[in-house]
Amino acid sequence: MENGKTKVDLTTKIRIELYLFTLIFLIIIIAGLISNETLPFWIYGLLPIGLVWFWWVYRVQEKGLFKKLTKYIEKDIKNSLQHGL
């Protein structure tokens, strides 16, 4: 607290789904190399596209949550000031 203000630092952790997605992709690649089969070309774009997709979906959800929290805190502060608390 500084000068009657409170700083709230919101952070997020990396999602386990991203690790899982990367692991599955690596298993597919290794299985293809071990079996000496050629993999379809599109499979190589799966990891970057999938990672960007998951990142984007989670980021949109996080931003929405942060906005709701900010509105709630501002509303709570306004109510406290009006009631003289």
Protein backbone atom coordinates (compact mmCIF):
# COMPACT_ATOMS: atom_id res chain seq x y z
CA MET A 1 0.00 0.00 0.00
CA GLU A 2 1.26 3.38 -0.98
CA ASN A 3 -0.61 6.65 -0.38
CA GLY A 4 -3.87 4.80 0.31
CA LYS A 5 -3.62 2.75 -2.88
CA THR A 6 -3.33 -0.99 -3.19
CA LYS A 7 -1.51 -2.62 -6.08
CA VAL A 8 -2.94 -5.94 -7.22
CA ASP A 9 -0.64 -8.02 -9.42
CA LEU A 10 -2.49 -10.66 -11.43
CA THR A 11 -0.41 -13.44 -12.91
CA THR A 12 -1.18 -16.77 -14.53
CA LYS A 13 0.64 -20.04 -14.71
CA ILE A 14 1.38 -22.03 -17.84
CA ARG A 15 -1.35 -24.51 -18.60
CA ILE A 16 -0.77 -28.26 -18.38
CA GLU A 17 -2.67 -28.72 -21.64
CA LEU A 18 0.17 -27.03 -23.52
CA TYR A 19 2.66 -29.55 -22.13
CA LEU A 20 0.27 -32.39 -22.94
CA PHE A 21 -0.22 -31.15 -26.51
CA THR A 22 3.54 -30.92 -27.04
CA LEU A 23 4.07 -34.41 -25.59
CA ILE A 24 1.44 -35.94 -27.87
CA PHE A 25 2.98 -34.20 -30.87
CA LEU A 26 6.45 -35.52 -29.97
CA ILE A 27 5.08 -39.06 -29.54
CA ILE A 28 3.51 -38.87 -33.02
CA ILE A 29 6.80 -37.68 -34.55
CA ILE A 30 8.89 -40.33 -32.74
CA ALA A 31 6.43 -43.09 -33.67
CA GLY A 32 6.64 -42.00 -37.30
CA LEU A 33 10.44 -42.04 -37.23
CA ILE A 34 10.61 -45.45 -35.54
CA SER A 35 8.13 -47.04 -37.95
CA ASN A 36 9.88 -45.47 -40.97
CA GLU A 37 6.57 -44.20 -42.29
CA THR A 38 6.21 -40.82 -43.88
CA LEU A 39 3.98 -38.47 -41.99
CA PRO A 40 1.49 -36.23 -43.74
CA PHE A 41 2.81 -32.75 -44.37
CA TRP A 42 0.03 -31.11 -42.31
CA ILE A 43 1.19 -32.86 -39.12
CA TYR A 44 4.25 -30.60 -38.95
CA GLY A 45 2.02 -27.54 -38.74
CA LEU A 46 -0.11 -29.12 -36.02
CA LEU A 47 2.15 -28.16 -33.11
CA PRO A 48 2.57 -24.45 -33.87
CA ILE A 49 -1.06 -24.00 -34.88
CA GLY A 50 -2.30 -25.96 -31.85
CA LEU A 51 -0.08 -24.06 -29.43
CA VAL A 52 -1.14 -20.70 -30.83
CA TRP A 53 -4.81 -21.77 -30.69
CA PHE A 54 -4.62 -22.85 -27.04
CA TRP A 55 -2.63 -19.76 -26.12
CA TRP A 56 -5.21 -17.50 -27.80
CA VAL A 57 -8.22 -19.21 -26.19
CA TYR A 58 -6.68 -19.07 -22.71
CA ARG A 59 -5.54 -15.49 -23.18
CA VAL A 60 -9.04 -14.35 -24.17
CA GLN A 61 -10.45 -16.07 -21.08
CA GLU A 62 -7.80 -14.55 -18.82
CA LYS A 63 -8.37 -11.04 -20.18
CA GLY A 64 -12.12 -11.43 -19.63
CA LEU A 65 -11.53 -12.57 -16.06
CA PHE A 66 -9.15 -9.68 -15.40
CA LYS A 67 -11.74 -7.19 -16.71
CA LYS A 68 -14.46 -8.66 -14.50
CA LEU A 69 -12.16 -8.55 -11.48
CA THR A 70 -11.18 -4.96 -12.21
CA LYS A 71 -14.84 -3.91 -12.52
CA TYR A 72 -15.67 -5.72 -9.28
CA ILE A 73 -12.81 -4.04 -7.39
CA GLU A 74 -13.72 -0.60 -8.76
CA LYS A 75 -17.39 -1.15 -7.85
CA ASP A 76 -16.44 -2.34 -4.36
CA ILE A 77 -14.20 0.70 -3.81
CA LYS A 78 -16.92 3.07 -5.05
CA ASN A 79 -19.47 1.46 -2.70
CA SER A 80 -17.05 1.68 0.21
CA LEU A 81 -16.42 5.37 -0.44
CA GLN A 82 -20.14 6.11 -0.68
CA HIS A 83 -20.82 4.40 2.63
CA GLY A 84 -17.87 6.06 4.34
CA LEU A 85 -15.98 2.86 5.11
